[in-house]
């Protein structure tokens, strides 16, 4: 199994979990949406984007351009998540998931880029 496959699987697992709970508006996600100042429907939309990102990085294993675009979108979502937490003055610990997911997406993007050049 290649590093790209491992990173894609990791991103997919995390984003499928988060995206599913957001689109289903489970109670803790409704609480998070309210805390961050989002409507439940807006949070569902963000969850749908996370689900698309998960699908995109998996598709990227066969269509690298799709994976690269998905990874860029994931980074953008995570930057937005970090900004949302900073805006409400959350502690650094609440930024760690967004930072970690963005870092994995950047690593995936780098690997996909290197494979495209090779």
Protein backbone atom coordinates (compact mmCIF):
# COMPACT_ATOMS: atom_id res chain seq x y z
CA UNK A 1 0.00 0.00 0.00
CA UNK A 2 1.43 3.37 -0.97
CA UNK A 3 1.62 6.45 1.22
CA UNK A 4 -0.90 8.16 -1.05
CA UNK A 5 -3.39 5.33 -0.50
CA UNK A 6 -2.88 5.47 3.26
CA UNK A 7 -3.41 9.24 3.37
CA UNK A 8 -6.46 9.01 1.10
CA UNK A 9 -7.95 6.31 3.35
CA UNK A 10 -7.23 8.33 6.48
CA UNK A 11 -8.83 11.45 5.02
CA UNK A 12 -11.81 9.47 3.76
CA UNK A 13 -12.43 7.80 7.12
CA UNK A 14 -12.26 11.06 9.07
CA UNK A 15 -14.28 13.10 6.57
CA UNK A 16 -16.90 10.41 6.03
CA UNK A 17 -17.45 10.26 9.78
CA UNK A 18 -17.56 14.01 10.32
CA UNK A 19 -19.49 14.72 7.14
CA UNK A 20 -22.10 12.09 7.92
CA UNK A 21 -22.73 13.37 11.45
CA UNK A 22 -22.93 16.92 10.15
CA UNK A 23 -25.37 16.14 7.34
CA UNK A 24 -27.51 14.08 9.71
CA UNK A 25 -27.35 16.96 12.22
CA UNK A 26 -26.70 14.71 15.20
CA UNK A 27 -26.99 16.50 18.51
CA UNK A 28 -23.31 17.27 19.10
CA UNK A 29 -23.02 18.71 15.59
CA UNK A 30 -26.08 20.89 16.14
CA UNK A 31 -24.40 22.14 19.32
CA UNK A 32 -21.17 22.81 17.42
CA UNK A 33 -23.05 24.65 14.68
CA UNK A 34 -24.74 26.88 17.24
CA UNK A 35 -21.46 27.48 19.08
CA UNK A 36 -19.78 28.57 15.85
CA UNK A 37 -22.73 30.70 14.77
CA UNK A 38 -23.91 28.51 11.90
CA UNK A 39 -27.42 27.35 11.14
CA UNK A 40 -27.99 23.61 11.10
CA UNK A 41 -28.61 23.78 7.35
CA UNK A 42 -25.32 25.61 6.77
CA UNK A 43 -23.54 22.95 8.83
CA UNK A 44 -25.25 20.26 6.75
CA UNK A 45 -23.85 21.95 3.65
CA UNK A 46 -20.36 21.91 5.13
CA UNK A 47 -20.86 18.24 5.97
CA UNK A 48 -21.84 17.55 2.36
CA UNK A 49 -18.63 19.23 1.22
CA UNK A 50 -16.66 17.02 3.59
CA UNK A 51 -18.36 13.95 2.13
CA UNK A 52 -17.48 15.13 -1.38
CA UNK A 53 -13.89 15.68 -0.27
CA UNK A 54 -13.71 12.11 1.02
CA UNK A 55 -15.06 10.76 -2.25
CA UNK A 56 -12.70 13.01 -4.20
CA UNK A 57 -9.52 11.82 -2.50
CA UNK A 58 -10.56 8.22 -3.02
CA UNK A 59 -11.30 8.90 -6.69
CA UNK A 60 -7.90 10.57 -6.80
CA UNK A 61 -6.30 7.17 -6.42
CA UNK A 62 -7.33 6.49 -10.02
CA UNK A 63 -7.82 10.07 -11.29
CA UNK A 64 -5.05 12.14 -9.65
CA UNK A 65 -6.43 15.51 -10.79
CA UNK A 66 -9.70 14.84 -8.95
CA UNK A 67 -7.77 13.90 -5.82
CA UNK A 68 -5.67 17.06 -6.03
CA UNK A 69 -8.74 19.25 -6.37
CA UNK A 70 -10.44 17.46 -3.50
CA UNK A 71 -7.37 17.95 -1.30
CA UNK A 72 -7.33 21.68 -2.07
CA UNK A 73 -11.01 21.83 -1.13
CA UNK A 74 -10.37 19.94 2.11
CA UNK A 75 -7.59 22.36 3.04
CA UNK A 76 -9.94 25.28 2.35
CA UNK A 77 -12.66 23.70 4.52
CA UNK A 78 -10.20 23.16 7.36
CA UNK A 79 -8.88 26.72 7.13
CA UNK A 80 -12.51 27.83 7.38
CA UNK A 81 -13.02 25.55 10.38
CA UNK A 82 -9.97 27.00 12.11
CA UNK A 83 -11.15 30.54 11.40
CA UNK A 84 -14.58 29.67 12.79
CA UNK A 85 -13.05 28.42 16.02
CA UNK A 86 -10.75 31.42 16.29
CA UNK A 87 -13.67 33.77 15.70
CA UNK A 88 -15.45 32.46 18.79
CA UNK A 89 -12.19 32.44 20.74
CA UNK A 90 -11.99 28.68 21.20
CA UNK A 91 -8.89 27.19 22.77
CA UNK A 92 -6.05 25.91 20.62
CA UNK A 93 -7.04 22.33 21.41
CA UNK A 94 -10.24 22.85 19.41
CA UNK A 95 -8.17 23.88 16.37
CA UNK A 96 -6.08 20.71 16.38
CA UNK A 97 -8.50 18.52 14.36
CA UNK A 98 -8.76 21.11 11.57
CA UNK A 99 -4.99 21.64 11.55
CA UNK A 100 -4.31 17.89 11.50
CA UNK A 101 -6.77 17.20 8.69
CA UNK A 102 -5.36 20.09 6.66
CA UNK A 103 -1.82 18.77 7.20
CA UNK A 104 -2.81 15.29 5.99
CA UNK A 105 -4.55 16.81 2.96
CA UNK A 106 -1.44 18.86 2.14
CA UNK A 107 0.75 15.74 2.43
CA UNK A 108 -1.66 13.89 0.13
CA UNK A 109 -1.59 16.78 -2.31
CA UNK A 110 2.21 16.77 -2.36
CA UNK A 111 2.32 13.04 -3.01
CA UNK A 112 -0.27 13.26 -5.79
CA UNK A 113 1.74 16.11 -7.33
CA UNK A 114 4.96 14.10 -7.17
CA UNK A 115 3.26 11.14 -8.85
CA UNK A 116 1.99 13.40 -11.63
CA UNK A 117 5.51 14.68 -12.30
CA UNK A 118 7.07 11.19 -12.27
